[in-house]
Amino acid sequence: MGRVNAIRELVLHGLYYFTDHALAELENDNLDEFDAETVLLHGKIRRSWPRELKYEVVGQSNDKRRIGIICRITKTNKLRIITGYEDK
């Protein structure tokens, strides 16, 4: 299974969580958890840090803005959403 599919599966099964930093950064750009979920389910990986199992996923928010989400697959096989931002 490819990494983008692994990320999607974790989101679909509710095996993800937001850091406080991610929630604050999303709010700063007038984005929310639903926007992040949409990108993680439908976006593509733009960058990866394989040694850390960390990924930048980009796609469209619910209001069609381009956003980026940085996330990591943890050792316990959960998705940690580290930050999110409008990708200008």
Protein backbone atom coordinates (compact mmCIF):
# COMPACT_ATOMS: atom_id res chain seq x y z
CA MET A 1 0.00 0.00 0.00
CA GLY A 2 1.36 3.43 -0.91
CA ARG A 3 1.91 6.07 1.74
CA VAL A 4 -0.95 8.30 0.58
CA ASN A 5 -3.28 5.30 0.85
CA ALA A 6 -1.93 4.49 4.32
CA ILE A 7 -2.67 8.07 5.40
CA ARG A 8 -6.19 7.86 3.95
CA GLU A 9 -6.87 4.57 5.71
CA LEU A 10 -5.80 5.99 9.07
CA VAL A 11 -8.11 8.99 8.60
CA LEU A 12 -11.01 6.81 7.44
CA HIS A 13 -10.65 4.65 10.55
CA GLY A 14 -10.37 7.62 12.91
CA LEU A 15 -6.78 6.80 13.81
CA TYR A 16 -5.48 10.36 13.77
CA TYR A 17 -5.15 13.32 16.07
CA PHE A 18 -4.27 17.01 15.87
CA THR A 19 -1.52 18.65 17.87
CA ASP A 20 -2.40 21.89 19.63
CA HIS A 21 -0.01 23.60 17.22
CA ALA A 22 -1.89 22.21 14.21
CA LEU A 23 -5.24 23.41 15.53
CA ALA A 24 -3.86 26.89 16.22
CA GLU A 25 -2.22 27.18 12.79
CA LEU A 26 -5.36 26.00 11.01
CA GLU A 27 -7.41 28.55 12.92
CA ASN A 28 -4.91 31.31 12.03
CA ASP A 29 -5.66 30.66 8.34
CA ASN A 30 -9.43 30.33 8.90
CA LEU A 31 -9.28 26.58 8.35
CA ASP A 32 -10.59 23.77 10.54
CA GLU A 33 -10.28 20.05 11.18
CA PHE A 34 -12.72 19.24 8.36
CA ASP A 35 -10.52 21.08 5.85
CA ALA A 36 -7.51 19.07 7.03
CA GLU A 37 -9.45 15.80 6.79
CA THR A 38 -10.55 16.66 3.24
CA VAL A 39 -6.95 17.24 2.16
CA LEU A 40 -5.73 14.06 3.83
CA LEU A 41 -8.46 12.03 2.13
CA HIS A 42 -8.16 13.57 -1.35
CA GLY A 43 -4.78 15.29 -1.60
CA LYS A 44 -1.38 14.15 -2.75
CA ILE A 45 2.00 13.88 -1.09
CA ARG A 46 4.26 16.72 -2.21
CA ARG A 47 7.20 16.05 0.11
CA SER A 48 8.27 13.30 2.43
CA TRP A 49 10.84 12.66 5.09
CA PRO A 50 11.02 8.83 4.93
CA ARG A 51 13.29 8.34 7.94
CA GLU A 52 10.75 10.15 10.12
CA LEU A 53 7.65 8.78 8.35
CA LYS A 54 6.64 12.44 7.93
CA TYR A 55 4.70 13.81 4.95
CA GLU A 56 3.42 17.04 3.46
CA VAL A 57 0.01 16.45 1.88
CA VAL A 58 -1.44 19.19 -0.32
CA GLY A 59 -4.92 19.62 -1.73
CA GLN A 60 -8.04 21.74 -1.61
CA SER A 61 -9.93 22.80 1.47
CA ASN A 62 -13.71 22.59 1.57
CA ASP A 63 -13.91 26.15 0.20
CA LYS A 64 -11.43 25.27 -2.61
CA ARG A 65 -8.35 26.99 -1.16
CA ARG A 66 -5.05 25.15 -1.60
CA ILE A 67 -3.73 23.99 1.75
CA GLY A 68 -0.92 21.88 3.10
CA ILE A 69 -0.88 19.48 6.01
CA ILE A 70 2.27 18.13 7.64
CA CYS A 71 1.68 14.78 9.33
CA ARG A 72 3.56 11.80 10.67
CA ILE A 73 2.70 8.15 11.04
CA THR A 74 3.56 7.22 14.62
CA LYS A 75 5.12 4.02 15.89
CA THR A 76 1.66 3.02 17.16
CA ASN A 77 0.27 3.41 13.61
CA LYS A 78 -1.70 6.59 14.17
CA LEU A 79 -1.55 9.77 12.13
CA ARG A 80 -0.26 12.79 14.04
CA ILE A 81 -1.27 16.03 12.32
CA ILE A 82 1.57 18.41 13.11
CA THR A 83 0.51 21.58 11.30
CA GLY A 84 -1.69 22.94 8.56
CA TYR A 85 -1.57 26.10 6.49
CA GLU A 86 -2.92 27.86 3.43
CA ASP A 87 -0.50 27.04 0.63
CA LYS A 88 -0.14 30.42 -1.09
